[in-house]
Structure formats: structure tokens, C-alpha cells
N, C-alpha and C. Protein backbone atom coordinates (compact mmCIF):
# COMPACT_ATOMS: atom_id res chain seq x y z
N MET A 1 -49.67 7.18 21.77
CA MET A 1 -48.44 7.89 22.24
C MET A 1 -47.23 7.17 21.57
N THR A 2 -46.27 8.08 21.11
CA THR A 2 -45.16 7.34 20.27
C THR A 2 -44.01 6.74 21.32
N ASN A 3 -43.36 5.92 20.77
CA ASN A 3 -42.25 5.29 21.54
C ASN A 3 -41.07 6.06 21.57
N PRO A 4 -40.51 6.46 22.69
CA PRO A 4 -39.44 7.48 22.68
C PRO A 4 -38.09 6.74 22.28
N TRP A 5 -38.08 5.44 22.25
CA TRP A 5 -36.76 4.68 21.86
C TRP A 5 -36.58 4.67 20.15
N LEU A 6 -37.73 4.90 19.58
CA LEU A 6 -37.92 4.88 18.01
C LEU A 6 -37.57 6.47 17.40
N LYS A 7 -37.33 7.38 18.38
CA LYS A 7 -37.29 8.71 17.86
C LYS A 7 -35.76 8.89 17.28
N LYS A 8 -35.50 9.84 16.31
CA LYS A 8 -34.29 9.95 15.77
C LYS A 8 -33.30 10.61 16.95
N ASN A 9 -32.23 10.23 16.95
CA ASN A 9 -31.23 10.88 17.87
C ASN A 9 -30.14 11.66 17.18
N PRO A 10 -30.11 12.90 17.21
CA PRO A 10 -29.14 13.79 16.48
C PRO A 10 -27.79 13.50 16.75
N PHE A 11 -27.50 13.22 18.04
CA PHE A 11 -26.09 13.03 18.51
C PHE A 11 -25.56 11.75 17.91
N MET A 12 -26.36 10.59 17.96
CA MET A 12 -26.06 9.37 17.39
C MET A 12 -25.91 9.45 15.91
N SER A 13 -26.65 10.34 15.24
CA SER A 13 -26.49 10.65 13.80
C SER A 13 -25.07 11.34 13.53
N MET A 14 -24.80 12.20 14.33
CA MET A 14 -23.57 13.01 14.06
C MET A 14 -22.36 12.11 14.38
N TRP A 15 -22.35 11.22 15.38
CA TRP A 15 -21.36 10.41 15.89
C TRP A 15 -21.12 9.31 14.65
N LEU A 16 -22.23 8.82 14.06
CA LEU A 16 -22.03 7.74 13.18
C LEU A 16 -21.49 8.37 11.90
N SER A 17 -21.92 9.56 11.60
CA SER A 17 -21.47 10.18 10.44
C SER A 17 -20.01 10.56 10.48
N ALA A 18 -19.64 11.03 11.62
CA ALA A 18 -18.09 11.33 11.89
C ALA A 18 -17.30 9.97 11.84
N PHE A 19 -17.88 9.03 12.46
CA PHE A 19 -17.16 7.60 12.27
C PHE A 19 -17.06 7.05 10.98
N ASN A 20 -18.17 7.24 10.21
CA ASN A 20 -18.01 6.87 8.80
C ASN A 20 -16.94 7.69 7.85
N THR A 21 -16.90 8.88 8.09
CA THR A 21 -15.91 9.71 7.36
C THR A 21 -14.56 9.07 7.84
N VAL A 22 -14.27 8.99 9.04
CA VAL A 22 -12.79 8.51 9.59
C VAL A 22 -12.69 7.09 9.11
N ALA A 23 -13.60 6.23 8.97
CA ALA A 23 -13.45 4.87 8.56
C ALA A 23 -13.07 4.75 7.19
N GLY A 24 -13.84 5.69 6.28
CA GLY A 24 -13.59 5.80 4.92
C GLY A 24 -12.23 6.24 4.65
N SER A 25 -11.67 7.28 5.35
CA SER A 25 -10.39 7.82 5.15
C SER A 25 -9.37 6.76 5.62
N VAL A 26 -9.46 6.05 6.55
CA VAL A 26 -8.45 4.81 6.85
C VAL A 26 -8.43 3.92 5.93
N ARG A 27 -9.63 3.44 5.39
CA ARG A 27 -9.81 2.46 4.41
C ARG A 27 -9.13 2.78 3.27
N GLY A 28 -9.13 4.17 2.71
CA GLY A 28 -8.49 4.65 1.72
C GLY A 28 -6.83 4.58 1.83
N HIS A 29 -6.62 5.12 2.92
CA HIS A 29 -5.05 5.05 3.20
C HIS A 29 -4.38 3.60 3.14
N ALA A 30 -5.25 2.82 3.67
CA ALA A 30 -4.80 1.16 3.87
C ALA A 30 -4.86 0.76 2.38
N MET A 31 -5.82 0.96 1.67
CA MET A 31 -5.82 0.39 0.31
C MET A 31 -4.57 1.06 -0.54
N GLN A 32 -4.30 2.33 -0.33
CA GLN A 32 -3.31 2.88 -1.04
C GLN A 32 -1.92 2.31 -0.82
N GLN A 33 -1.72 2.06 0.57
CA GLN A 33 -0.50 1.60 1.00
C GLN A 33 -0.43 0.03 0.35
N ALA A 34 -1.56 -0.73 0.36
CA ALA A 34 -1.49 -2.03 0.00
C ALA A 34 -0.97 -2.05 -1.72
N LYS A 35 -1.63 -1.16 -2.41
CA LYS A 35 -1.23 -0.93 -3.72
C LYS A 35 0.24 -0.70 -4.07
N ARG A 36 0.68 0.25 -2.99
CA ARG A 36 2.10 0.56 -3.31
C ARG A 36 3.00 -0.70 -2.76
N GLN A 37 2.77 -1.39 -1.75
CA GLN A 37 3.57 -2.56 -1.45
C GLN A 37 3.37 -3.59 -2.48
N ALA A 38 2.18 -3.75 -3.18
CA ALA A 38 2.18 -4.84 -4.31
C ALA A 38 2.93 -4.53 -5.51
N ALA A 39 2.89 -3.09 -5.92
CA ALA A 39 3.63 -2.61 -6.94
C ALA A 39 5.15 -2.74 -6.76
N SER A 40 5.76 -2.46 -5.47
CA SER A 40 6.99 -2.60 -5.14
C SER A 40 7.38 -3.92 -5.30
N SER A 41 6.56 -5.03 -4.76
CA SER A 41 7.04 -6.31 -4.77
C SER A 41 6.99 -6.96 -6.13
N ALA A 42 6.10 -6.34 -7.03
CA ALA A 42 6.26 -6.88 -8.57
C ALA A 42 7.22 -6.39 -9.14
N THR A 43 7.82 -5.24 -8.97
CA THR A 43 8.96 -4.61 -9.42
C THR A 43 10.25 -5.27 -9.03
N ARG A 44 10.44 -5.48 -7.74
CA ARG A 44 11.56 -6.28 -7.23
C ARG A 44 11.47 -7.71 -7.83
N ALA A 45 10.45 -8.46 -7.87
CA ALA A 45 10.34 -9.74 -8.43
C ALA A 45 10.80 -9.65 -10.06
N THR A 46 10.19 -8.73 -10.61
CA THR A 46 10.67 -8.71 -12.07
C THR A 46 11.98 -8.35 -12.25
N LYS A 47 12.54 -7.46 -11.53
CA LYS A 47 14.18 -7.19 -11.53
C LYS A 47 14.97 -8.28 -11.13
N THR A 48 14.57 -9.20 -10.28
CA THR A 48 15.28 -10.27 -9.81
C THR A 48 15.43 -11.37 -10.91
N VAL A 49 14.10 -11.65 -11.55
CA VAL A 49 14.04 -12.70 -12.77
C VAL A 49 14.89 -11.99 -13.90
N PHE A 50 14.79 -10.92 -14.13
CA PHE A 50 15.36 -10.44 -15.30
C PHE A 50 16.95 -10.45 -15.07
N ASP A 51 17.44 -9.94 -13.90
CA ASP A 51 18.90 -10.16 -13.42
C ASP A 51 19.37 -11.59 -13.42
N ALA A 52 18.53 -12.54 -13.16
CA ALA A 52 18.81 -13.96 -13.25
C ALA A 52 18.96 -14.51 -14.68
N TRP A 53 18.13 -14.03 -15.64
CA TRP A 53 18.20 -14.45 -16.96
C TRP A 53 19.39 -13.71 -17.73
N THR A 54 19.66 -12.43 -17.40
CA THR A 54 20.69 -11.83 -18.14
C THR A 54 22.24 -11.88 -17.36
N ALA A 55 22.26 -12.62 -16.25
CA ALA A 55 23.58 -12.81 -15.67
C ALA A 55 24.57 -13.34 -16.50
N GLY A 56 24.17 -14.35 -17.29
CA GLY A 56 25.22 -15.18 -18.10
C GLY A 56 25.48 -14.29 -19.33
N VAL A 57 24.95 -13.39 -19.67
CA VAL A 57 25.19 -12.57 -20.96
C VAL A 57 26.11 -11.36 -20.58
N LYS A 58 26.24 -11.00 -19.45
CA LYS A 58 27.18 -9.98 -19.13
C LYS A 58 28.60 -10.27 -19.14
N PRO A 59 29.38 -9.53 -19.92
CA PRO A 59 30.69 -10.04 -19.61
C PRO A 59 31.44 -9.87 -18.05
N THR A 60 32.49 -10.50 -17.94
CA THR A 60 33.07 -10.48 -16.45
C THR A 60 33.64 -9.16 -16.40
N PRO A 61 33.37 -8.40 -15.18
CA PRO A 61 34.03 -7.25 -14.93
C PRO A 61 35.59 -7.20 -15.04
N ALA A 62 36.05 -6.12 -15.64
CA ALA A 62 37.47 -6.07 -15.59
C ALA A 62 38.07 -5.84 -14.35
N LYS A 63 39.29 -6.52 -14.33
CA LYS A 63 40.08 -6.13 -12.90
C LYS A 63 40.61 -4.89 -12.78
N ARG A 64 40.55 -4.19 -11.71
CA ARG A 64 41.21 -2.91 -11.48
C ARG A 64 42.73 -3.07 -11.34
N LYS A 65 43.31 -2.07 -12.02
CA LYS A 65 44.79 -2.14 -11.88
C LYS A 65 45.15 -1.33 -10.46
N ARG A 66 46.18 -1.81 -9.81
CA ARG A 66 46.53 -1.26 -8.48
C ARG A 66 47.35 -0.11 -8.81
N LYS A 67 47.20 0.94 -7.93
CA LYS A 67 47.96 2.15 -8.16
C LYS A 67 49.16 2.02 -7.16
N ARG A 68 50.24 2.48 -7.60
CA ARG A 68 51.55 2.40 -6.86
C ARG A 68 51.78 3.66 -6.11
């Protein structure tokens, strides 16, 4: 006689399949958001460093004349 605990369970199989689908989607969204944040941070750091190095090269801004 076969052991009933070792039989395949179609409901468990469907549930695990659905869970894996959702988990894959969530993982993909999380990885994409992490890439966006890393790119944004790198761009901001590059801009900050570039602005710091070129601050001495820029001429001083001209003073505005007052309108009477």
C-alpha cells in the first residue's frame, strides 16, 4: 500500500506556482528600484564633485541693476 503523505497535492502545487510567480515579480521590481536609486546617487555624486571642481573657474555673477 502506498503512503498517502507522499502523493502529489495539486492544490499545493498550484499555490507554490502562484507564490513563485508573485515572488519573482516582487524581486524584479525591487531590483529595478535599487538600480534606479544607485544610478540617481551616482549621478548626484558626480554632479557634486564636478561642481566643486569647477566652482573656481566660473566668473562671479554680475550684479543686477535696480529698476527705478
